[in-house]
């Protein structure tokens, strides 16, 4: 999205304009404030290829696996789900909020506590003194849900393995119909 924006603003797209330019973001975290997200949405309006098509049959929407932790980064509004919550783009009811990473997988209490500590640290960086008053907003997205993890995640290594699988393998399965990466 950022390159499409840059190329549009510097006249490097076809005919020097962004008209008829399609972007195809996949598994992207939130990339900017509300001004930037609104600007990108107006420059590159979302389109679908046909009704009833899979989540990836769209242009100018972020393709998101709802079990992938990466798209949940960096919007860190609290409390989650209140009426003014900017982390809810309104496309699917899925809220791409950094705090939702904590309960994304079925994990033991110790693992969840470790993930919570990491998310709390990330939140301090994204909405704390290093970024005063700046809130990252998710782009509009088209969701699908990858295969759920099996069993209870017992430790940080298993959590990281599931997170990696959901961020890489699930997209390959969705796109290529059962082929793994």
Protein backbone atom coordinates (compact mmCIF):
# COMPACT_ATOMS: atom_id res chain seq x y z
CA UNK A 1 0.00 0.00 0.00
CA UNK A 2 2.78 2.39 0.88
CA UNK A 3 4.51 1.84 -2.48
CA UNK A 4 1.25 2.32 -4.38
CA UNK A 5 0.73 5.58 -2.51
CA UNK A 6 4.31 6.71 -3.19
CA UNK A 7 4.13 5.81 -6.88
CA UNK A 8 0.76 7.55 -7.26
CA UNK A 9 2.02 10.73 -5.62
CA UNK A 10 5.22 10.82 -7.68
CA UNK A 11 3.57 10.12 -11.05
CA UNK A 12 5.16 6.71 -11.54
CA UNK A 13 1.93 4.85 -12.22
CA UNK A 14 0.41 4.30 -15.65
CA UNK A 15 -0.48 7.65 -17.22
CA UNK A 16 0.88 9.36 -14.10
CA UNK A 17 -2.31 8.62 -12.16
CA UNK A 18 -3.61 5.97 -9.76
CA UNK A 19 -6.81 5.49 -11.74
CA UNK A 20 -7.25 1.80 -12.60
CA UNK A 21 -4.28 0.84 -10.42
CA UNK A 22 -4.90 -2.24 -8.32
CA UNK A 23 -3.06 -3.16 -5.12
CA UNK A 24 -3.08 -6.56 -3.46
CA UNK A 25 -1.97 -6.39 0.19
CA UNK A 26 -1.80 -9.69 2.05
CA UNK A 27 -1.40 -10.28 5.81
CA UNK A 28 -0.42 -6.66 6.43
CA UNK A 29 -0.44 -4.96 9.82
CA UNK A 30 -1.97 -1.51 10.26
CA UNK A 31 0.20 1.00 8.43
CA UNK A 32 -1.00 4.47 9.33
CA UNK A 33 -3.33 6.86 11.05
CA UNK A 34 -6.95 7.47 10.08
CA UNK A 35 -5.99 10.17 7.55
CA UNK A 36 -3.65 7.77 5.73
CA UNK A 37 -6.14 4.88 5.76
CA UNK A 38 -8.93 7.12 4.42
CA UNK A 39 -6.61 8.55 1.76
CA UNK A 40 -5.56 5.08 0.55
CA UNK A 41 -9.20 3.89 0.55
CA UNK A 42 -10.24 6.83 -1.62
CA UNK A 43 -7.26 6.55 -3.99
CA UNK A 44 -7.60 2.80 -4.37
CA UNK A 45 -11.26 1.84 -3.79
CA UNK A 46 -11.93 -1.81 -3.04
CA UNK A 47 -13.34 -4.06 -5.70
CA UNK A 48 -14.50 -7.66 -5.73
CA UNK A 49 -14.09 -9.96 -8.68
CA UNK A 50 -17.45 -11.71 -8.28
CA UNK A 51 -19.90 -12.48 -5.52
CA UNK A 52 -19.39 -15.76 -3.71
CA UNK A 53 -15.66 -15.80 -4.49
CA UNK A 54 -13.02 -16.60 -1.86
CA UNK A 55 -11.58 -13.88 0.39
CA UNK A 56 -8.60 -13.40 -1.92
CA UNK A 57 -10.75 -12.57 -4.97
CA UNK A 58 -10.59 -8.82 -4.24
CA UNK A 59 -8.45 -5.83 -5.07
CA UNK A 60 -7.39 -2.98 -2.80
CA UNK A 61 -8.35 -4.78 0.41
CA UNK A 62 -5.93 -6.39 2.85
CA UNK A 63 -6.36 -10.19 2.69
CA UNK A 64 -6.44 -11.35 6.33
CA UNK A 65 -6.45 -14.74 8.01
CA UNK A 66 -8.39 -14.09 11.23
CA UNK A 67 -5.99 -16.47 13.04
CA UNK A 68 -2.87 -14.64 11.84
CA UNK A 69 -1.44 -12.40 14.58
CA UNK A 70 0.36 -10.01 12.19
CA UNK A 71 -2.71 -8.14 10.85
CA UNK A 72 -3.71 -7.44 14.47
CA UNK A 73 -0.63 -5.23 14.94
CA UNK A 74 -0.46 -2.04 15.56
CA UNK A 75 -3.92 -0.75 16.41
CA UNK A 76 -3.96 -0.73 20.22
CA UNK A 77 -7.14 1.09 21.20
CA UNK A 78 -8.56 0.24 24.62
CA UNK A 79 -11.21 -0.69 25.66
CA UNK A 80 -11.65 -3.25 22.93
CA UNK A 81 -14.91 -3.10 21.04
CA UNK A 82 -16.32 0.14 22.40
CA UNK A 83 -18.45 2.29 20.10
CA UNK A 84 -15.55 4.55 19.15
CA UNK A 85 -13.09 1.74 18.48
CA UNK A 86 -11.04 2.60 15.37
CA UNK A 87 -9.58 -0.93 15.20
CA UNK A 88 -12.86 -2.24 13.80
CA UNK A 89 -12.96 -1.36 10.08
CA UNK A 90 -16.51 -2.66 9.81
CA UNK A 91 -15.92 -5.17 7.04
CA UNK A 92 -16.32 -8.44 8.88
CA UNK A 93 -16.82 -7.85 12.56
CA UNK A 94 -13.25 -8.97 13.23
CA UNK A 95 -11.42 -6.38 15.25
CA UNK A 96 -7.78 -6.04 14.26
CA UNK A 97 -6.62 -4.85 17.66
CA UNK A 98 -3.18 -5.63 19.06
CA UNK A 99 -4.77 -6.71 22.36
CA UNK A 100 -6.70 -9.50 20.59
CA UNK A 101 -3.41 -11.32 19.89
CA UNK A 102 -3.36 -12.42 23.54
CA UNK A 103 -6.37 -14.74 23.22
CA UNK A 104 -5.97 -15.66 19.56
CA UNK A 105 -4.92 -19.27 20.23
CA UNK A 106 -5.85 -21.85 22.86
CA UNK A 107 -2.83 -21.43 25.13
CA UNK A 108 -1.93 -22.21 28.74
CA UNK A 109 -2.04 -19.41 31.31
CA UNK A 110 1.77 -19.07 31.41
CA UNK A 111 2.00 -18.80 27.63
CA UNK A 112 -0.86 -16.30 27.52
CA UNK A 113 0.89 -14.26 30.24
CA UNK A 114 4.09 -14.17 28.19
CA UNK A 115 2.18 -13.09 25.08
CA UNK A 116 0.39 -10.43 27.15
CA UNK A 117 3.75 -9.07 28.34
CA UNK A 118 4.98 -8.86 24.74
CA UNK A 119 1.79 -7.15 23.56
CA UNK A 120 1.96 -4.72 26.49
CA UNK A 121 5.50 -3.83 25.45
CA UNK A 122 4.44 -3.33 21.84
CA UNK A 123 1.51 -1.19 22.95
CA UNK A 124 3.84 1.03 24.97
CA UNK A 125 5.90 1.59 21.83
CA UNK A 126 2.96 2.26 19.52
CA UNK A 127 0.74 4.37 21.73
CA UNK A 128 3.09 5.52 24.46
CA UNK A 129 5.73 8.22 24.75
CA UNK A 130 7.47 7.23 21.51
CA UNK A 131 4.26 7.88 19.59
CA UNK A 132 2.18 10.48 21.42
CA UNK A 133 -1.39 10.73 20.16
CA UNK A 134 -0.73 8.50 17.16
CA UNK A 135 -3.02 5.53 16.64
CA UNK A 136 -2.50 3.09 13.80
CA UNK A 137 -5.75 2.17 12.04
CA UNK A 138 -6.32 -1.08 10.09
CA UNK A 139 -7.10 -0.86 6.40
CA UNK A 140 -10.32 -2.40 5.16
CA UNK A 141 -9.82 -6.12 4.74
CA UNK A 142 -11.26 -9.31 3.35
CA UNK A 143 -11.11 -12.11 5.94
CA UNK A 144 -10.79 -15.85 5.86
CA UNK A 145 -10.07 -18.23 8.74
CA UNK A 146 -7.16 -20.64 8.49
CA UNK A 147 -7.17 -24.10 10.06
CA UNK A 148 -7.43 -23.77 13.85
CA UNK A 149 -4.48 -25.00 15.92
CA UNK A 150 -4.86 -28.45 17.43
CA UNK A 151 -4.77 -28.88 21.18
CA UNK A 152 -3.59 -26.50 23.87
CA UNK A 153 -0.45 -24.50 23.23
CA UNK A 154 1.88 -25.28 26.13
CA UNK A 155 4.75 -22.81 25.70
CA UNK A 156 6.10 -19.82 23.79
CA UNK A 157 7.81 -21.98 21.17
CA UNK A 158 4.55 -23.73 20.29
CA UNK A 159 2.78 -20.35 20.20
CA UNK A 160 5.42 -19.01 17.81
CA UNK A 161 5.10 -22.14 15.63
CA UNK A 162 1.32 -21.69 15.39
CA UNK A 163 1.71 -17.97 14.71
CA UNK A 164 4.18 -18.71 11.91
CA UNK A 165 1.92 -21.36 10.41
CA UNK A 166 -1.07 -19.01 10.49
CA UNK A 167 0.99 -16.19 8.92
CA UNK A 168 2.54 -18.27 6.13
CA UNK A 169 1.03 -21.73 5.64
CA UNK A 170 -2.62 -20.73 6.00
CA UNK A 171 -2.34 -18.24 3.13
CA UNK A 172 -0.75 -20.90 0.92
CA UNK A 173 -3.55 -23.32 1.78
CA UNK A 174 -6.20 -20.69 1.06
CA UNK A 175 -4.61 -19.51 -2.20
CA UNK A 176 -3.32 -22.78 -3.59
CA UNK A 177 -5.93 -25.22 -2.33
CA UNK A 178 -3.98 -27.51 -0.05
CA UNK A 179 -0.43 -26.88 -1.24
CA UNK A 180 1.86 -25.94 1.62
CA UNK A 181 4.71 -23.44 1.38
